[in-house]
Amino acid sequence: MQQMNGRRDADHWLDLVDAAQLVGVTRDVVAQAVLDHELRAINHHPSRPGEWLVLAVDVQLWADRVHPPVEIPVA
């Protein structure tokens, strides 16, 4: 999973494609999380009315909860 650089990035609204890329899952996985009320979304995209937007920080918190990083043992 990618790390965010400071508060500005954490407060950034992402469409579902960008949100999925941020945490390494498919758009469908993020969309299902919105439908299941695991992830808060709004539908006020400035240039694509009806497109869901999610906060980057919420996406990362959701991903950490649902898809925690795998620790690889060091040999």
PDB file of N, CA and C in Angstrom:
ATOM      1  N   MET A   1       0.831  -1.164   0.000  1.00  0.00           N
ATOM      2  CA  MET A   1       0.000   0.000   0.000  1.00  0.00           C
ATOM      3  C   MET A   1       0.884   1.237   0.000  1.00  0.00           C
ATOM      4  N   GLN A   2       0.466   2.248  -0.732  1.00  0.00           N
ATOM      5  CA  GLN A   2       1.225   3.487  -0.799  1.00  0.00           C
ATOM      6  C   GLN A   2       0.998   4.306   0.464  1.00  0.00           C
ATOM      7  N   GLN A   3       1.986   5.091   0.829  1.00  0.00           N
ATOM      8  CA  GLN A   3       1.864   5.987   1.976  1.00  0.00           C
ATOM      9  C   GLN A   3       1.479   7.374   1.490  1.00  0.00           C
ATOM     10  N   MET A   4       0.681   8.065   2.301  1.00  0.00           N
ATOM     11  CA  MET A   4       0.301   9.433   1.966  1.00  0.00           C
ATOM     12  C   MET A   4       1.355  10.391   2.515  1.00  0.00           C
ATOM     13  N   ASN A   5       1.526  11.511   1.847  1.00  0.00           N
ATOM     14  CA  ASN A   5       2.513  12.513   2.251  1.00  0.00           C
ATOM     15  C   ASN A   5       1.823  13.693   2.930  1.00  0.00           C
ATOM     16  N   GLY A   6       1.589  13.589   4.221  1.00  0.00           N
ATOM     17  CA  GLY A   6       1.060  14.711   4.990  1.00  0.00           C
ATOM     18  C   GLY A   6      -0.437  14.855   4.949  1.00  0.00           C
ATOM     19  N   ARG A   7      -0.922  15.845   5.672  1.00  0.00           N
ATOM     20  CA  ARG A   7      -2.357  16.062   5.848  1.00  0.00           C
ATOM     21  C   ARG A   7      -3.067  16.404   4.542  1.00  0.00           C
ATOM     22  N   ARG A   8      -2.446  17.155   3.655  1.00  0.00           N
ATOM     23  CA  ARG A   8      -3.093  17.542   2.399  1.00  0.00           C
ATOM     24  C   ARG A   8      -3.536  16.312   1.624  1.00  0.00           C
ATOM     25  N   ASP A   9      -2.686  15.320   1.551  1.00  0.00           N
ATOM     26  CA  ASP A   9      -3.035  14.100   0.826  1.00  0.00           C
ATOM     27  C   ASP A   9      -4.115  13.313   1.548  1.00  0.00           C
ATOM     28  N   ALA A  10      -4.079  13.293   2.868  1.00  0.00           N
ATOM     29  CA  ALA A  10      -5.063  12.553   3.650  1.00  0.00           C
ATOM     30  C   ALA A  10      -6.463  13.140   3.457  1.00  0.00           C
ATOM     31  N   ASP A  11      -6.546  14.458   3.274  1.00  0.00           N
ATOM     32  CA  ASP A  11      -7.831  15.131   3.102  1.00  0.00           C
ATOM     33  C   ASP A  11      -8.289  15.173   1.647  1.00  0.00           C
ATOM     34  N   HIS A  12      -7.575  14.530   0.769  1.00  0.00           N
ATOM     35  CA  HIS A  12      -7.859  14.572  -0.664  1.00  0.00           C
ATOM     36  C   HIS A  12      -8.981  13.595  -1.013  1.00  0.00           C
ATOM     37  N   TRP A  13      -9.940  14.062  -1.812  1.00  0.00           N
ATOM     38  CA  TRP A  13     -11.016  13.194  -2.299  1.00  0.00           C
ATOM     39  C   TRP A  13     -10.544  12.447  -3.543  1.00  0.00           C
ATOM     40  N   LEU A  14     -10.834  11.163  -3.599  1.00  0.00           N
ATOM     41  CA  LEU A  14     -10.429  10.302  -4.714  1.00  0.00           C
ATOM     42  C   LEU A  14     -11.652   9.657  -5.341  1.00  0.00           C
ATOM     43  N   ASP A  15     -11.608   9.458  -6.665  1.00  0.00           N
ATOM     44  CA  ASP A  15     -12.650   8.629  -7.262  1.00  0.00           C
ATOM     45  C   ASP A  15     -12.312   7.173  -6.946  1.00  0.00           C
ATOM     46  N   LEU A  16     -13.204   6.253  -7.258  1.00  0.00           N
ATOM     47  CA  LEU A  16     -13.003   4.869  -6.843  1.00  0.00           C
ATOM     48  C   LEU A  16     -11.820   4.196  -7.534  1.00  0.00           C
ATOM     49  N   VAL A  17     -11.520   4.600  -8.751  1.00  0.00           N
ATOM     50  CA  VAL A  17     -10.365   4.037  -9.461  1.00  0.00           C
ATOM     51  C   VAL A  17      -9.072   4.445  -8.759  1.00  0.00           C
ATOM     52  N   ASP A  18      -8.949   5.733  -8.438  1.00  0.00           N
ATOM     53  CA  ASP A  18      -7.747   6.203  -7.738  1.00  0.00           C
ATOM     54  C   ASP A  18      -7.658   5.608  -6.335  1.00  0.00           C
ATOM     55  N   ALA A  19      -8.791   5.484  -5.658  1.00  0.00           N
ATOM     56  CA  ALA A  19      -8.798   4.885  -4.323  1.00  0.00           C
ATOM     57  C   ALA A  19      -8.323   3.436  -4.377  1.00  0.00           C
ATOM     58  N   ALA A  20      -8.782   2.709  -5.372  1.00  0.00           N
ATOM     59  CA  ALA A  20      -8.373   1.313  -5.524  1.00  0.00           C
ATOM     60  C   ALA A  20      -6.874   1.209  -5.783  1.00  0.00           C
ATOM     61  N   GLN A  21      -6.354   2.083  -6.623  1.00  0.00           N
ATOM     62  CA  GLN A  21      -4.915   2.078  -6.902  1.00  0.00           C
ATOM     63  C   GLN A  21      -4.104   2.424  -5.664  1.00  0.00           C
ATOM     64  N   LEU A  22      -4.619   3.336  -4.834  1.00  0.00           N
ATOM     65  CA  LEU A  22      -3.921   3.743  -3.620  1.00  0.00           C
ATOM     66  C   LEU A  22      -3.650   2.563  -2.700  1.00  0.00           C
ATOM     67  N   VAL A  23      -4.620   1.648  -2.602  1.00  0.00           N
ATOM     68  CA  VAL A  23      -4.482   0.543  -1.646  1.00  0.00           C
ATOM     69  C   VAL A  23      -4.279  -0.819  -2.307  1.00  0.00           C
ATOM     70  N   GLY A  24      -4.173  -0.845  -3.627  1.00  0.00           N
ATOM     71  CA  GLY A  24      -3.837  -2.091  -4.317  1.00  0.00           C
ATOM     72  C   GLY A  24      -4.957  -3.104  -4.425  1.00  0.00           C
ATOM     73  N   VAL A  25      -6.189  -2.613  -4.616  1.00  0.00           N
ATOM     74  CA  VAL A  25      -7.323  -3.514  -4.859  1.00  0.00           C
ATOM     75  C   VAL A  25      -8.019  -3.044  -6.133  1.00  0.00           C
ATOM     76  N   THR A  26      -9.075  -3.737  -6.525  1.00  0.00           N
ATOM     77  CA  THR A  26      -9.815  -3.329  -7.718  1.00  0.00           C
ATOM     78  C   THR A  26     -10.872  -2.285  -7.361  1.00  0.00           C
ATOM     79  N   ARG A  27     -11.339  -1.579  -8.373  1.00  0.00           N
ATOM     80  CA  ARG A  27     -12.408  -0.602  -8.184  1.00  0.00           C
ATOM     81  C   ARG A  27     -13.645  -1.276  -7.623  1.00  0.00           C
ATOM     82  N   ASP A  28     -13.932  -2.493  -8.078  1.00  0.00           N
ATOM     83  CA  ASP A  28     -15.114  -3.216  -7.606  1.00  0.00           C
ATOM     84  C   ASP A  28     -15.058  -3.495  -6.108  1.00  0.00           C
ATOM     85  N   VAL A  29     -13.872  -3.761  -5.586  1.00  0.00           N
ATOM     86  CA  VAL A  29     -13.717  -4.011  -4.146  1.00  0.00           C
ATOM     87  C   VAL A  29     -14.040  -2.737  -3.369  1.00  0.00           C
ATOM     88  N   VAL A  30     -13.557  -1.607  -3.842  1.00  0.00           N
ATOM     89  CA  VAL A  30     -13.833  -0.330  -3.169  1.00  0.00           C
ATOM     90  C   VAL A  30     -15.321   0.001  -3.286  1.00  0.00           C
ATOM     91  N   ALA A  31     -15.908  -0.201  -4.459  1.00  0.00           N
ATOM     92  CA  ALA A  31     -17.338   0.070  -4.647  1.00  0.00           C
ATOM     93  C   ALA A  31     -18.175  -0.789  -3.705  1.00  0.00           C
ATOM     94  N   GLN A  32     -17.801  -2.038  -3.535  1.00  0.00           N
ATOM     95  CA  GLN A  32     -18.545  -2.919  -2.636  1.00  0.00           C
ATOM     96  C   GLN A  32     -18.423  -2.450  -1.189  1.00  0.00           C
ATOM     97  N   ALA A  33     -17.255  -1.944  -0.818  1.00  0.00           N
ATOM     98  CA  ALA A  33     -17.072  -1.404   0.535  1.00  0.00           C
ATOM     99  C   ALA A  33     -17.994  -0.206   0.762  1.00  0.00           C
ATOM    100  N   VAL A  34     -18.183   0.614  -0.262  1.00  0.00           N
ATOM    101  CA  VAL A  34     -19.113   1.743  -0.153  1.00  0.00           C
ATOM    102  C   VAL A  34     -20.540   1.217   0.001  1.00  0.00           C
ATOM    103  N   LEU A  35     -20.919   0.261  -0.829  1.00  0.00           N
ATOM    104  CA  LEU A  35     -22.271  -0.300  -0.770  1.00  0.00           C
ATOM    105  C   LEU A  35     -22.542  -0.992   0.566  1.00  0.00           C
ATOM    106  N   ASP A  36     -21.510  -1.591   1.150  1.00  0.00           N
ATOM    107  CA  ASP A  36     -21.642  -2.288   2.435  1.00  0.00           C
ATOM    108  C   ASP A  36     -21.486  -1.346   3.629  1.00  0.00           C
ATOM    109  N   HIS A  37     -21.362  -0.050   3.367  1.00  0.00           N
ATOM    110  CA  HIS A  37     -21.200   0.982   4.404  1.00  0.00           C
ATOM    111  C   HIS A  37     -19.939   0.785   5.242  1.00  0.00           C
ATOM    112  N   GLU A  38     -18.921   0.163   4.640  1.00  0.00           N
ATOM    113  CA  GLU A  38     -17.617   0.037   5.286  1.00  0.00           C
ATOM    114  C   GLU A  38     -16.764   1.270   4.996  1.00  0.00           C
ATOM    115  N   LEU A  39     -17.127   1.998   3.965  1.00  0.00           N
ATOM    116  CA  LEU A  39     -16.357   3.142   3.496  1.00  0.00           C
ATOM    117  C   LEU A  39     -17.336   4.249   3.124  1.00  0.00           C
ATOM    118  N   ARG A  40     -17.125   5.420   3.703  1.00  0.00           N
ATOM    119  CA  ARG A  40     -17.993   6.577   3.460  1.00  0.00           C
ATOM    120  C   ARG A  40     -17.665   7.188   2.104  1.00  0.00           C
ATOM    121  N   ALA A  41     -18.717   7.569   1.372  1.00  0.00           N
ATOM    122  CA  ALA A  41     -18.526   8.177   0.053  1.00  0.00           C
ATOM    123  C   ALA A  41     -19.546   9.291  -0.157  1.00  0.00           C
ATOM    124  N   ILE A  42     -19.186  10.216  -1.025  1.00  0.00           N
ATOM    125  CA  ILE A  42     -20.126  11.238  -1.481  1.00  0.00           C
ATOM    126  C   ILE A  42     -20.221  11.115  -3.000  1.00  0.00           C
ATOM    127  N   ASN A  43     -21.230  11.713  -3.578  1.00  0.00           N
ATOM    128  CA  ASN A  43     -21.353  11.643  -5.040  1.00  0.00           C
ATOM    129  C   ASN A  43     -21.418  13.034  -5.640  1.00  0.00           C
ATOM    130  N   HIS A  44     -20.437  13.844  -5.298  1.00  0.00           N
ATOM    131  CA  HIS A  44     -20.391  15.218  -5.790  1.00  0.00           C
ATOM    132  C   HIS A  44     -19.125  15.481  -6.592  1.00  0.00           C
ATOM    133  N   HIS A  45     -18.808  14.595  -7.510  1.00  0.00           N
ATOM    134  CA  HIS A  45     -17.620  14.796  -8.343  1.00  0.00           C
ATOM    135  C   HIS A  45     -17.850  16.035  -9.201  1.00  0.00           C
ATOM    136  N   PRO A  46     -16.899  16.978  -9.202  1.00  0.00           N
ATOM    137  CA  PRO A  46     -17.110  18.241  -9.925  1.00  0.00           C
ATOM    138  C   PRO A  46     -17.343  18.090 -11.419  1.00  0.00           C
ATOM    139  N   SER A  47     -16.742  17.110 -12.058  1.00  0.00           N
ATOM    140  CA  SER A  47     -16.908  16.995 -13.507  1.00  0.00           C
ATOM    141  C   SER A  47     -17.668  15.736 -13.933  1.00  0.00           C
ATOM    142  N   ARG A  48     -17.991  14.864 -12.972  1.00  0.00           N
ATOM    143  CA  ARG A  48     -18.752  13.645 -13.297  1.00  0.00           C
ATOM    144  C   ARG A  48     -19.850  13.439 -12.248  1.00  0.00           C
ATOM    145  N   PRO A  49     -20.978  14.124 -12.395  1.00  0.00           N
ATOM    146  CA  PRO A  49     -22.064  14.005 -11.419  1.00  0.00           C
ATOM    147  C   PRO A  49     -22.456  12.540 -11.212  1.00  0.00           C
ATOM    148  N   GLY A  50     -22.643  12.174  -9.959  1.00  0.00           N
ATOM    149  CA  GLY A  50     -23.017  10.805  -9.627  1.00  0.00           C
ATOM    150  C   GLY A  50     -21.844   9.896  -9.334  1.00  0.00           C
ATOM    151  N   GLU A  51     -20.634  10.306  -9.691  1.00  0.00           N
ATOM    152  CA  GLU A  51     -19.429   9.506  -9.422  1.00  0.00           C
ATOM    153  C   GLU A  51     -19.111   9.589  -7.935  1.00  0.00           C
ATOM    154  N   TRP A  52     -18.889   8.441  -7.302  1.00  0.00           N
ATOM    155  CA  TRP A  52     -18.544   8.426  -5.885  1.00  0.00           C
ATOM    156  C   TRP A  52     -17.131   8.940  -5.664  1.00  0.00           C
ATOM    157  N   LEU A  53     -16.964   9.667  -4.568  1.00  0.00           N
ATOM    158  CA  LEU A  53     -15.662  10.121  -4.115  1.00  0.00           C
ATOM    159  C   LEU A  53     -15.480   9.678  -2.667  1.00  0.00           C
ATOM    160  N   VAL A  54     -14.267   9.284  -2.319  1.00  0.00           N
ATOM    161  CA  VAL A  54     -13.940   8.853  -0.961  1.00  0.00           C
ATOM    162  C   VAL A  54     -12.693   9.598  -0.504  1.00  0.00           C
ATOM    163  N   LEU A  55     -12.600   9.839   0.798  1.00  0.00           N
ATOM    164  CA  LEU A  55     -11.405  10.486   1.332  1.00  0.00           C
ATOM    165  C   LEU A  55     -10.244   9.506   1.373  1.00  0.00           C
ATOM    166  N   ALA A  56      -9.069   9.969   0.974  1.00  0.00           N
ATOM    167  CA  ALA A  56      -7.882   9.110   0.954  1.00  0.00           C
ATOM    168  C   ALA A  56      -7.606   8.509   2.324  1.00  0.00           C
ATOM    169  N   VAL A  57      -7.731   9.298   3.383  1.00  0.00           N
ATOM    170  CA  VAL A  57      -7.461   8.780   4.725  1.00  0.00           C
ATOM    171  C   VAL A  57      -8.451   7.675   5.092  1.00  0.00           C
ATOM    172  N   ASP A  58      -9.722   7.821   4.707  1.00  0.00           N
ATOM    173  CA  ASP A  58     -10.706   6.777   4.985  1.00  0.00           C
ATOM    174  C   ASP A  58     -10.373   5.494   4.234  1.00  0.00           C
ATOM    175  N   VAL A  59      -9.913   5.648   3.001  1.00  0.00           N
ATOM    176  CA  VAL A  59      -9.546   4.480   2.201  1.00  0.00           C
ATOM    177  C   VAL A  59      -8.393   3.727   2.861  1.00  0.00           C
ATOM    178  N   GLN A  60      -7.388   4.468   3.324  1.00  0.00           N
ATOM    179  CA  GLN A  60      -6.248   3.806   3.951  1.00  0.00           C
ATOM    180  C   GLN A  60      -6.640   3.137   5.256  1.00  0.00           C
ATOM    181  N   LEU A  61      -7.467   3.793   6.063  1.00  0.00           N
ATOM    182  CA  LEU A  61      -7.914   3.182   7.316  1.00  0.00           C
ATOM    183  C   LEU A  61      -8.738   1.927   7.042  1.00  0.00           C
ATOM    184  N   TRP A  62      -9.611   1.992   6.046  1.00  0.00           N
ATOM    185  CA  TRP A  62     -10.411   0.829   5.665  1.00  0.00           C
ATOM    186  C   TRP A  62      -9.505  -0.315   5.193  1.00  0.00           C
ATOM    187  N   ALA A  63      -8.550   0.005   4.347  1.00  0.00           N
ATOM    188  CA  ALA A  63      -7.648  -1.029   3.828  1.00  0.00           C
ATOM    189  C   ALA A  63      -6.823  -1.661   4.945  1.00  0.00           C
ATOM    190  N   ASP A  64      -6.365  -0.861   5.890  1.00  0.00           N
ATOM    191  CA  ASP A  64      -5.601  -1.406   7.017  1.00  0.00           C
ATOM    192  C   ASP A  64      -6.459  -2.346   7.856  1.00  0.00           C
ATOM    193  N   ARG A  65      -7.746  -2.031   7.961  1.00  0.00           N
ATOM    194  CA  ARG A  65      -8.659  -2.853   8.747  1.00  0.00           C
ATOM    195  C   ARG A  65      -9.035  -4.138   8.001  1.00  0.00           C
ATOM    196  N   VAL A  66      -9.320  -4.018   6.727  1.00  0.00           N
ATOM    197  CA  VAL A  66      -9.839  -5.144   5.945  1.00  0.00           C
ATOM    198  C   VAL A  66      -8.732  -5.976   5.299  1.00  0.00           C
ATOM    199  N   HIS A  67      -7.686  -5.315   4.845  1.00  0.00           N
ATOM    200  CA  HIS A  67      -6.576  -5.983   4.157  1.00  0.00           C
ATOM    201  C   HIS A  67      -5.266  -5.580   4.817  1.00  0.00           C
ATOM    202  N   PRO A  68      -5.031  -6.049   6.067  1.00  0.00           N
ATOM    203  CA  PRO A  68      -3.789  -5.624   6.734  1.00  0.00           C
ATOM    204  C   PRO A  68      -2.562  -6.080   5.965  1.00  0.00           C
ATOM    205  N   PRO A  69      -1.481  -5.294   6.039  1.00  0.00           N
ATOM    206  CA  PRO A  69      -0.265  -5.681   5.339  1.00  0.00           C
ATOM    207  C   PRO A  69       0.280  -7.004   5.860  1.00  0.00           C
ATOM    208  N   VAL A  70       0.814  -7.780   4.976  1.00  0.00           N
ATOM    209  CA  VAL A  70       1.406  -9.066   5.337  1.00  0.00           C
ATOM    210  C   VAL A  70       2.862  -8.859   5.722  1.00  0.00           C
ATOM    211  N   GLU A  71       3.233  -9.394   6.869  1.00  0.00           N
ATOM    212  CA  GLU A  71       4.626  -9.291   7.274  1.00  0.00           C
ATOM    213  C   GLU A  71       5.394 -10.482   6.719  1.00  0.00           C
ATOM    214  N   ILE A  72       6.505 -10.189   6.090  1.00  0.00           N
ATOM    215  CA  ILE A  72       7.342 -11.242   5.507  1.00  0.00           C
ATOM    216  C   ILE A  72       8.537 -11.444   6.438  1.00  0.00           C
ATOM    217  N   PRO A  73       8.689 -12.661   6.960  1.00  0.00           N
ATOM    218  CA  PRO A  73       9.814 -12.890   7.879  1.00  0.00           C
ATOM    219  C   PRO A  73      11.159 -12.709   7.165  1.00  0.00           C
ATOM    220  N   VAL A  74      12.091 -12.144   7.889  1.00  0.00           N
ATOM    221  CA  VAL A  74      13.439 -11.944   7.359  1.00  0.00           C
ATOM    222  C   VAL A  74      14.250 -13.205   7.660  1.00  0.00           C
ATOM    223  N   ALA A  75      14.896 -13.723   6.640  1.00  0.00           N
ATOM    224  CA  ALA A  75      15.658 -14.971   6.816  1.00  0.00           C
ATOM    225  C   ALA A  75      16.947 -14.733   7.573  1.00  0.00           C
TER     226      ALA A  75
END
